[in-house]
Amino acid sequence: MPLMQSWVASANAATTPFPLNNLPYGVVSTNGQDPRCAVAIGACVLDLTAVEEAGLLALDTPTLFAHPSWNSVMAEGPALWSALRTRLTTLLAAGSPAQEQLAPHLIPMSDLHLHMPFEVREFTDFYASKHHATNVGTMFRGAENALPANWLHMPIGYNGRASTVVVSGTDITRPCGQLKAPEADAPHFGPSARLDFELELGAIIGGSTQMGETLTVQEADDLIFGYVLLNDWSARDIQAWEYQPLGPFQGKAFATTISPWIVTKAALDPFRSKAPPRDLPLLPYLQEPGPMLYDITLAATLAPENAAATTISQTTSSQLSYSAAQQIAHHASSGCAMRSGDLIGSGTISGPKRHMRGSLLELSWGGTKPLMLDTGQARHFLEDGDTLTLHGSAHGDGYQIGFGSCSGTIRPARTAS
């Protein structure tokens, strides 16, 4: 599919992350204005709350944008999602007769504050990259026992905390917790010294299921409203002491950052890709009817305080072994109810080479090999003042589908006085 032309001139540049082909959804505000729903187009956003109030959406639905959240739209289901995208594409396309009416509702990106685009109901994070799972398993259990036996048969996940999912630009306070050095007889309480990031994609569920209901992979895919970049911040030293026998808890619960723009499944459809070859066949309920992954270029940059950023990781989402649809189908396979507003994390996305590793745990090989930045500084894990930013885009014929950045700056721990 080539670049679609818009009357918003900045949307026609090959370098913009937000061409007419994309139209991602967010929640924005300007100084003196309450947050409202918007769609990104080029270097601007279209204020959908104002457009709806002006009667320009022409959709046979109740008020969709009365509240600064995309949950109402998500709950309406795929038919409404398709109708809304079609209408917005028509309104913003070159030659649209609505240009004169819409132009007053465009706001420059430079004037905006970005907010959480939706209210997260539940958060589940998975472990779906074979390269990541193999690297971590090799460090902790040795190469011969790197992958647990169950990993090749199903997506492994854990239930996280929706209460600490935040939008890009939110500062991250270094967490405290129980820590135990290998040589120590007992744990102590204090700030994490092995703070890490995880380069992930997040899938947002728009529909719902009832308790006891299951889903095919195709039905699960139909429930997905869109995708965001996701950083599931991790305190590796807290995690190492607590995770036996039940898995991650406080080492993960303190913060998860998402990008501010929801990129719709429709915008990503041209970039679908097949999963890598499997070692073993999956059970029928996890088998895919077609390509369910996406070819999205991903990167992470690290900037020390008052210093330039270094690109420390570059990979692609096609490295995942399990798609979001498979993860959701597995999640629902026990009869677990899925709800509109649920957030599903892919797990860290790593590739076969060192520069493709999606966490500092892997890049520094458990803290044993320093990662050198362009500034000349070394990192094993994140330090106070560091800003970690995720980037992502899919590349088409003369255009790209961007997510915006997913960024957070590490602030010192809050210790008891």
Protein backbone atom coordinates (compact mmCIF):
# COMPACT_ATOMS: atom_id res chain seq x y z
CA MET A 1 0.00 0.00 0.00
CA PRO A 2 1.50 3.40 -0.96
CA LEU A 3 1.37 6.62 1.04
CA MET A 4 -2.18 8.01 1.22
CA GLN A 5 -2.37 11.74 0.56
CA SER A 6 -3.92 14.15 3.09
CA TRP A 7 -4.87 17.81 2.98
CA VAL A 8 -2.77 18.13 6.15
CA ALA A 9 0.52 18.78 4.36
CA SER A 10 2.80 17.50 7.12
CA ALA A 11 1.11 14.08 6.90
CA ASN A 12 2.50 13.57 3.39
CA ALA A 13 6.18 13.61 4.39
CA ALA A 14 7.97 10.25 4.29
CA THR A 15 9.55 11.05 7.66
CA THR A 16 6.36 11.61 9.64
CA PRO A 17 5.33 8.77 11.96
CA PHE A 18 1.69 9.79 11.54
CA PRO A 19 0.62 9.75 7.86
CA LEU A 20 -2.97 9.23 6.79
CA ASN A 21 -2.19 5.49 6.65
CA ASN A 22 -1.70 5.50 10.44
CA LEU A 23 -4.24 7.69 12.30
CA PRO A 24 -3.32 6.59 15.85
CA TYR A 25 -5.54 7.50 18.80
CA GLY A 26 -4.55 9.42 21.92
CA VAL A 27 -5.70 11.78 24.66
CA VAL A 28 -4.26 15.30 24.64
CA SER A 29 -4.60 18.71 26.26
CA THR A 30 -3.25 22.20 25.79
CA ASN A 31 -2.67 24.83 28.45
CA GLY A 32 -6.03 25.81 29.86
CA GLN A 33 -7.88 22.97 28.14
CA ASP A 34 -9.20 19.73 29.62
CA PRO A 35 -7.88 16.44 28.17
CA ARG A 36 -9.77 15.18 25.15
CA CYS A 37 -9.59 12.40 22.56
CA ALA A 38 -7.65 13.09 19.39
CA VAL A 39 -6.17 11.43 16.33
CA ALA A 40 -2.61 12.19 15.20
CA ILE A 41 -2.13 13.37 11.62
CA GLY A 42 1.29 14.61 10.52
CA ALA A 43 2.60 17.28 12.89
CA CYS A 44 -0.90 17.94 14.29
CA VAL A 45 -3.78 16.25 16.03
CA LEU A 46 -7.45 16.49 15.19
CA ASP A 47 -9.54 17.24 18.28
CA LEU A 48 -12.22 14.55 18.05
CA THR A 49 -14.19 15.86 21.00
CA ALA A 50 -14.67 19.14 19.13
CA VAL A 51 -15.30 17.37 15.82
CA GLU A 52 -18.01 15.24 17.41
CA GLU A 53 -19.60 18.28 19.06
CA ALA A 54 -19.66 19.99 15.65
CA GLY A 55 -21.58 17.05 14.20
CA LEU A 56 -18.88 16.16 11.68
CA LEU A 57 -18.31 12.51 12.57
CA ALA A 58 -21.65 11.40 11.11
CA LEU A 59 -21.61 8.05 12.96
CA ASP A 60 -24.85 6.46 14.12
CA THR A 61 -23.61 6.03 17.69
CA PRO A 62 -24.09 7.56 21.11
CA THR A 63 -21.57 10.18 22.21
CA LEU A 64 -18.15 8.56 21.94
CA PHE A 65 -15.81 11.32 23.09
CA ALA A 66 -17.50 12.89 26.09
CA HIS A 67 -14.75 11.50 28.34
CA PRO A 68 -10.97 11.75 27.83
CA SER A 69 -10.45 8.03 27.22
CA TRP A 70 -10.74 5.60 24.31
CA ASN A 71 -12.48 2.95 26.43
CA SER A 72 -15.95 3.90 25.16
CA VAL A 73 -14.87 3.42 21.56
CA MET A 74 -13.05 0.20 22.42
CA ALA A 75 -16.16 -1.27 24.02
CA GLU A 76 -18.24 -0.67 20.86
CA GLY A 77 -16.46 -3.42 18.94
CA PRO A 78 -14.89 -3.97 15.50
CA ALA A 79 -17.78 -2.66 13.38
CA LEU A 80 -17.61 0.76 15.04
CA TRP A 81 -13.79 0.72 14.96
CA SER A 82 -13.89 0.18 11.20
CA ALA A 83 -16.57 2.83 10.62
CA LEU A 84 -14.68 5.42 12.66
CA ARG A 85 -11.39 4.78 10.84
CA THR A 86 -13.12 4.94 7.47
CA ARG A 87 -14.81 8.22 8.39
CA LEU A 88 -11.60 9.81 9.68
CA THR A 89 -9.70 8.70 6.57
CA THR A 90 -12.36 10.30 4.37
CA LEU A 91 -12.40 13.54 6.38
CA LEU A 92 -8.61 13.92 6.32
CA ALA A 93 -7.91 12.74 2.76
CA ALA A 94 -6.75 15.16 0.11
CA GLY A 95 -9.73 16.83 -1.55
CA SER A 96 -12.04 16.30 1.41
CA PRO A 97 -14.98 18.75 1.27
CA ALA A 98 -14.81 18.94 5.07
CA GLN A 99 -11.35 20.53 5.11
CA GLU A 100 -12.58 24.05 5.86
CA GLN A 101 -14.76 22.84 8.73
CA LEU A 102 -12.05 20.61 10.21
CA ALA A 103 -9.09 22.98 9.97
CA PRO A 104 -10.02 24.97 13.12
CA HIS A 105 -9.92 21.72 15.12
CA LEU A 106 -6.29 20.91 14.25
CA ILE A 107 -3.77 21.47 17.05
CA PRO A 108 0.03 21.50 16.53
CA MET A 109 1.82 18.65 18.29
CA SER A 110 4.19 21.18 19.82
CA ASP A 111 1.32 22.68 21.85
CA LEU A 112 0.21 19.40 23.43
CA HIS A 113 0.40 17.52 26.68
CA LEU A 114 -0.07 13.77 26.21
CA HIS A 115 -2.09 11.64 28.63
CA MET A 116 -2.92 7.98 29.15
CA PRO A 117 -4.95 7.06 26.06
CA PHE A 118 -7.17 4.56 27.88
CA GLU A 119 -7.98 3.26 31.35
CA VAL A 120 -6.13 -0.02 31.93
CA ARG A 121 -8.43 -2.64 33.43
CA GLU A 122 -5.93 -5.49 33.87
CA PHE A 123 -2.31 -6.01 32.83
CA THR A 124 -0.72 -9.33 31.86
CA ASP A 125 2.88 -9.64 30.70
CA PHE A 126 4.20 -12.56 28.69
CA TYR A 127 7.59 -14.09 27.90
CA ALA A 128 7.23 -14.66 24.16
CA SER A 129 10.70 -14.09 22.63
CA LYS A 130 12.74 -17.28 22.31
CA HIS A 131 16.03 -15.38 22.16
CA HIS A 132 15.21 -13.48 25.36
CA ALA A 133 14.03 -16.60 27.18
CA THR A 134 17.13 -18.49 26.06
CA ASN A 135 19.48 -15.71 27.16
CA VAL A 136 17.89 -15.37 30.57
CA GLY A 137 17.66 -19.12 31.05
CA THR A 138 21.32 -19.56 30.09
CA MET A 139 22.39 -16.97 32.67
CA PHE A 140 20.31 -18.45 35.46
CA ARG A 141 20.26 -22.20 34.70
CA GLY A 142 22.99 -22.88 32.13
CA ALA A 143 22.76 -23.40 28.37
CA GLU A 144 21.61 -27.01 28.69
CA ASN A 145 18.54 -25.98 30.73
CA ALA A 146 17.91 -22.54 29.20
CA LEU A 147 14.32 -23.07 28.02
CA PRO A 148 11.83 -24.62 30.43
CA ALA A 149 10.03 -27.59 28.86
CA ASN A 150 6.68 -25.77 28.86
CA TRP A 151 8.00 -22.71 26.97
CA LEU A 152 7.90 -24.49 23.60
CA HIS A 153 4.25 -25.46 24.10
CA MET A 154 2.52 -22.31 25.38
CA PRO A 155 2.95 -18.57 26.02
CA ILE A 156 4.28 -18.09 29.56
CA GLY A 157 2.90 -15.07 31.42
CA TYR A 158 2.12 -13.48 34.76
CA ASN A 159 -0.52 -11.04 36.01
CA GLY A 160 0.93 -7.57 36.60
CA ARG A 161 -0.38 -4.35 38.11
CA ALA A 162 -2.72 -2.08 36.14
CA SER A 163 -2.42 0.60 38.85
CA THR A 164 1.17 1.44 37.92
CA VAL A 165 0.85 1.55 34.11
CA VAL A 166 1.78 5.12 33.13
CA VAL A 167 2.13 7.14 29.93
CA SER A 168 5.42 8.07 28.31
CA GLY A 169 7.16 10.99 29.99
CA THR A 170 6.26 9.92 33.52
CA ASP A 171 9.28 9.79 35.85
CA ILE A 172 10.10 6.39 37.34
CA THR A 173 11.08 6.26 41.00
CA ARG A 174 13.76 3.67 41.72
CA PRO A 175 11.98 0.91 43.66
CA CYS A 176 12.95 -0.44 47.05
CA GLY A 177 12.50 -4.00 48.17
CA GLN A 178 14.01 -7.04 49.80
CA LEU A 179 17.47 -7.79 48.43
CA LYS A 180 19.76 -10.70 49.18
CA ALA A 181 23.33 -11.05 47.97
CA PRO A 182 24.35 -14.62 47.12
CA GLU A 183 26.90 -14.67 49.94
CA ALA A 184 24.58 -13.10 52.55
CA ASP A 185 22.82 -15.13 55.25
CA ALA A 186 19.73 -12.91 55.28
CA PRO A 187 18.05 -10.28 53.09
CA HIS A 188 18.00 -6.54 53.71
CA PHE A 189 15.64 -3.80 52.54
CA GLY A 190 16.84 -1.04 50.23
CA PRO A 191 16.87 0.52 46.74
CA SER A 192 17.29 -1.73 43.74
CA ALA A 193 20.82 -1.59 42.28
CA ARG A 194 19.95 -3.62 39.16
CA LEU A 195 17.17 -1.56 37.59
CA ASP A 196 16.37 -2.58 34.03
CA PHE A 197 14.07 -1.92 31.07
CA GLU A 198 12.22 -4.35 28.80
CA LEU A 199 11.53 -3.58 25.13
CA GLU A 200 8.00 -4.82 24.40
CA LEU A 201 4.80 -4.31 22.45
CA GLY A 202 1.48 -4.00 24.23
CA ALA A 203 -1.82 -5.19 22.77
CA ILE A 204 -5.02 -3.50 23.96
CA ILE A 205 -8.17 -5.57 24.15
CA GLY A 206 -11.32 -3.79 22.97
CA GLY A 207 -13.99 -6.46 23.38
CA SER A 208 -14.92 -8.68 26.31
CA THR A 209 -15.64 -12.31 27.10
CA GLN A 210 -17.65 -13.94 29.85
CA MET A 211 -16.12 -16.05 32.59
CA GLY A 212 -15.99 -19.63 31.30
CA GLU A 213 -15.82 -18.54 27.64
CA THR A 214 -12.83 -19.51 25.50
CA LEU A 215 -11.41 -18.00 22.30
CA THR A 216 -9.83 -19.24 19.11
CA VAL A 217 -6.70 -17.42 17.96
CA GLN A 218 -8.75 -15.67 15.27
CA GLU A 219 -11.41 -14.61 17.79
CA ALA A 220 -8.66 -13.31 20.06
CA ASP A 221 -7.17 -11.30 17.22
CA ASP A 222 -10.62 -9.83 16.51
CA LEU A 223 -10.70 -8.50 20.11
CA ILE A 224 -7.50 -6.46 19.72
CA PHE A 225 -8.17 -2.72 19.37
CA GLY A 226 -4.58 -1.65 18.81
CA TYR A 227 -0.98 -1.67 19.95
CA VAL A 228 1.43 0.51 21.97
CA LEU A 229 5.12 0.34 22.82
CA LEU A 230 5.57 -1.01 26.33
CA ASN A 231 8.44 -0.93 28.83
CA ASP A 232 7.91 -3.26 31.77
CA TRP A 233 10.56 -1.82 34.08
CA SER A 234 12.27 -4.53 36.14
CA ALA A 235 14.26 -4.56 39.38
CA ARG A 236 16.39 -7.62 38.71
CA ASP A 237 17.81 -7.93 42.24
CA ILE A 238 14.37 -7.73 43.88
CA GLN A 239 13.06 -10.18 41.27
CA ALA A 240 15.90 -12.66 41.80
CA TRP A 241 15.16 -13.05 45.53
CA GLU A 242 11.37 -13.19 45.29
CA TYR A 243 10.55 -15.06 42.10
CA GLN A 244 10.86 -18.60 43.47
CA PRO A 245 8.37 -20.29 43.53
CA LEU A 246 5.61 -18.02 42.15
CA GLY A 247 7.37 -15.65 39.75
CA PRO A 248 7.63 -11.85 39.40
CA PHE A 249 5.95 -9.62 42.00
CA GLN A 250 7.52 -6.48 43.47
CA GLY A 251 10.39 -6.65 41.00
CA LYS A 252 7.88 -5.74 38.29
CA ALA A 253 4.88 -4.14 40.02
CA PHE A 254 6.35 -0.66 40.55
CA ALA A 255 6.03 0.71 36.98
CA THR A 256 5.12 -0.08 33.37
CA THR A 257 5.33 2.67 30.72
CA ILE A 258 3.36 2.76 27.44
CA SER A 259 3.58 5.06 24.44
CA PRO A 260 0.79 7.68 24.20
CA TRP A 261 -0.63 6.69 20.79
CA ILE A 262 -2.73 3.59 20.12
CA VAL A 263 -1.80 2.30 16.67
CA THR A 264 -4.78 0.41 15.30
CA LYS A 265 -4.65 -3.13 14.02
CA ALA A 266 -5.95 -1.86 10.67
CA ALA A 267 -2.93 0.44 10.29
CA LEU A 268 -0.59 -2.49 10.97
CA ASP A 269 -2.35 -5.07 8.78
CA PRO A 270 -0.04 -4.48 5.76
CA PHE A 271 2.93 -5.48 7.95
CA ARG A 272 1.74 -8.86 9.20
CA SER A 273 4.41 -11.55 9.31
CA LYS A 274 4.71 -15.22 10.17
CA ALA A 275 6.20 -16.51 13.40
CA PRO A 276 9.73 -17.96 13.30
CA PRO A 277 10.00 -21.73 12.73
CA ARG A 278 8.96 -23.80 15.75
CA ASP A 279 10.83 -26.63 17.41
CA LEU A 280 7.58 -28.41 18.22
CA PRO A 281 4.00 -28.16 16.90
CA LEU A 282 1.51 -26.31 19.08
CA LEU A 283 -1.71 -27.76 20.40
CA PRO A 284 -4.71 -27.01 18.14
CA TYR A 285 -6.11 -24.19 20.29
CA LEU A 286 -2.91 -22.17 19.74
CA GLN A 287 -2.50 -22.75 16.03
CA GLU A 288 -2.75 -19.60 13.89
CA PRO A 289 -5.06 -19.27 10.87
CA GLY A 290 -2.56 -16.94 9.19
CA PRO A 291 0.27 -14.48 9.97
CA MET A 292 -0.39 -12.87 13.36
CA LEU A 293 2.90 -11.10 14.08
CA TYR A 294 4.01 -7.74 12.64
CA ASP A 295 7.26 -6.55 11.11
CA ILE A 296 7.87 -3.51 13.30
CA THR A 297 11.36 -2.05 13.71
CA LEU A 298 12.08 -1.45 17.40
CA ALA A 299 14.87 0.34 19.24
CA ALA A 300 15.87 1.54 22.69
CA THR A 301 18.01 4.58 23.51
CA LEU A 302 19.67 5.47 26.81
CA ALA A 303 20.57 9.06 27.71
CA PRO A 304 22.48 9.80 30.94
CA GLU A 305 21.44 12.99 32.72
CA ASN A 306 22.40 16.06 30.64
CA ALA A 307 23.97 13.89 27.94
CA ALA A 308 23.13 12.67 24.45
CA ALA A 309 21.31 9.41 23.87
CA THR A 310 22.92 6.18 22.65
CA THR A 311 20.99 3.54 20.74
CA ILE A 312 21.57 0.42 22.82
CA SER A 313 19.15 -2.03 21.20
CA GLN A 314 17.69 -2.57 17.73
CA THR A 315 15.38 -5.46 16.94
CA THR A 316 12.05 -6.31 15.29
CA SER A 317 8.72 -7.55 16.62
CA SER A 318 8.85 -10.44 14.13
CA GLN A 319 11.34 -12.06 16.54
CA LEU A 320 8.45 -13.05 18.82
CA SER A 321 7.51 -16.73 18.94
CA TYR A 322 3.94 -16.10 20.13
CA SER A 323 1.60 -13.41 18.82
CA ALA A 324 -0.69 -11.28 20.99
CA ALA A 325 -3.63 -13.25 19.58
CA GLN A 326 -2.08 -16.52 20.74
CA GLN A 327 -1.35 -15.01 24.15
CA ILE A 328 -4.97 -13.87 24.52
CA ALA A 329 -6.33 -17.23 23.33
CA HIS A 330 -4.14 -18.98 25.91
CA HIS A 331 -5.17 -16.48 28.59
CA ALA A 332 -8.84 -17.26 27.93
CA SER A 333 -8.34 -21.01 27.51
CA SER A 334 -9.09 -21.68 31.20
CA GLY A 335 -12.28 -19.61 31.01
CA CYS A 336 -10.57 -16.46 32.34
CA ALA A 337 -12.73 -13.46 31.39
CA MET A 338 -11.09 -10.86 29.14
CA ARG A 339 -12.27 -7.26 29.50
CA SER A 340 -12.23 -4.19 27.33
CA GLY A 341 -9.22 -2.17 28.48
CA ASP A 342 -7.02 -5.17 29.29
CA LEU A 343 -3.36 -4.65 28.36
CA ILE A 344 -1.29 -7.61 27.13
CA GLY A 345 2.50 -7.24 27.12
CA SER A 346 4.51 -9.28 24.62
CA GLY A 347 7.47 -9.79 26.92
CA THR A 348 10.98 -8.59 26.12
CA ILE A 349 11.71 -8.72 22.38
CA SER A 350 15.27 -9.82 21.66
CA GLY A 351 17.03 -11.07 18.54
CA PRO A 352 19.95 -13.42 17.90
CA LYS A 353 22.72 -10.78 18.07
CA ARG A 354 23.91 -8.73 21.04
CA HIS A 355 22.68 -5.40 19.64
CA MET A 356 19.20 -6.96 19.31
CA ARG A 357 18.84 -7.75 23.02
CA GLY A 358 15.86 -5.95 24.58
CA SER A 359 17.06 -5.55 28.18
CA LEU A 360 20.19 -4.52 30.06
CA LEU A 361 20.15 -7.90 31.80
CA GLU A 362 21.03 -9.39 28.41
CA LEU A 363 23.11 -6.51 27.04
CA SER A 364 25.42 -6.60 30.10
CA TRP A 365 25.01 -10.38 30.48
CA GLY A 366 23.78 -10.19 34.04
CA GLY A 367 26.03 -7.24 34.89
CA THR A 368 29.28 -9.03 33.95
CA LYS A 369 29.98 -7.16 30.69
CA PRO A 370 29.66 -3.35 30.67
CA LEU A 371 27.65 -1.68 27.93
CA MET A 372 29.57 1.32 26.60
CA LEU A 373 27.61 4.44 25.65
CA ASP A 374 28.58 7.00 23.01
CA THR A 375 29.37 9.40 25.86
CA GLY A 376 32.16 7.08 27.04
CA GLN A 377 30.18 6.07 30.11
CA ALA A 378 29.53 2.44 30.98
CA ARG A 379 26.27 0.88 32.11
CA HIS A 380 25.45 -2.47 33.63
CA PHE A 381 22.00 -1.35 34.79
CA LEU A 382 20.11 1.96 34.88
CA GLU A 383 21.40 4.80 37.06
CA ASP A 384 19.50 7.73 38.55
CA GLY A 385 19.01 10.47 35.95
CA ASP A 386 19.08 8.04 33.01
CA THR A 387 16.32 8.41 30.43
CA LEU A 388 15.34 5.22 28.63
CA THR A 389 13.25 5.61 25.47
CA LEU A 390 11.66 2.99 23.23
CA HIS A 391 10.99 3.69 19.54
CA GLY A 392 9.00 1.73 16.98
CA SER A 393 7.79 2.01 13.39
CA ALA A 394 6.66 -0.17 10.51
CA HIS A 395 7.93 0.88 7.08
CA GLY A 396 5.82 0.91 3.92
CA ASP A 397 6.14 2.31 0.41
CA GLY A 398 7.15 5.92 1.05
CA TYR A 399 5.70 6.10 4.56
CA GLN A 400 6.03 4.73 8.07
CA ILE A 401 3.59 3.79 10.82
CA GLY A 402 5.02 5.22 14.05
CA PHE A 403 4.06 4.80 17.69
CA GLY A 404 5.63 7.90 19.19
CA SER A 405 8.21 7.47 21.93
CA CYS A 406 7.88 5.49 25.16
CA SER A 407 10.13 7.24 27.65
CA GLY A 408 10.86 7.44 31.35
CA THR A 409 13.57 9.04 33.51
CA ILE A 410 14.88 7.28 36.60
CA ARG A 411 14.57 9.26 39.84
CA PRO A 412 16.21 8.37 43.19
CA ALA A 413 14.49 5.94 45.53
CA ARG A 414 12.28 7.29 48.28
CA THR A 415 13.77 5.84 51.42
CA ALA A 416 12.35 6.15 54.92
CA SER A 417 13.87 8.98 56.94
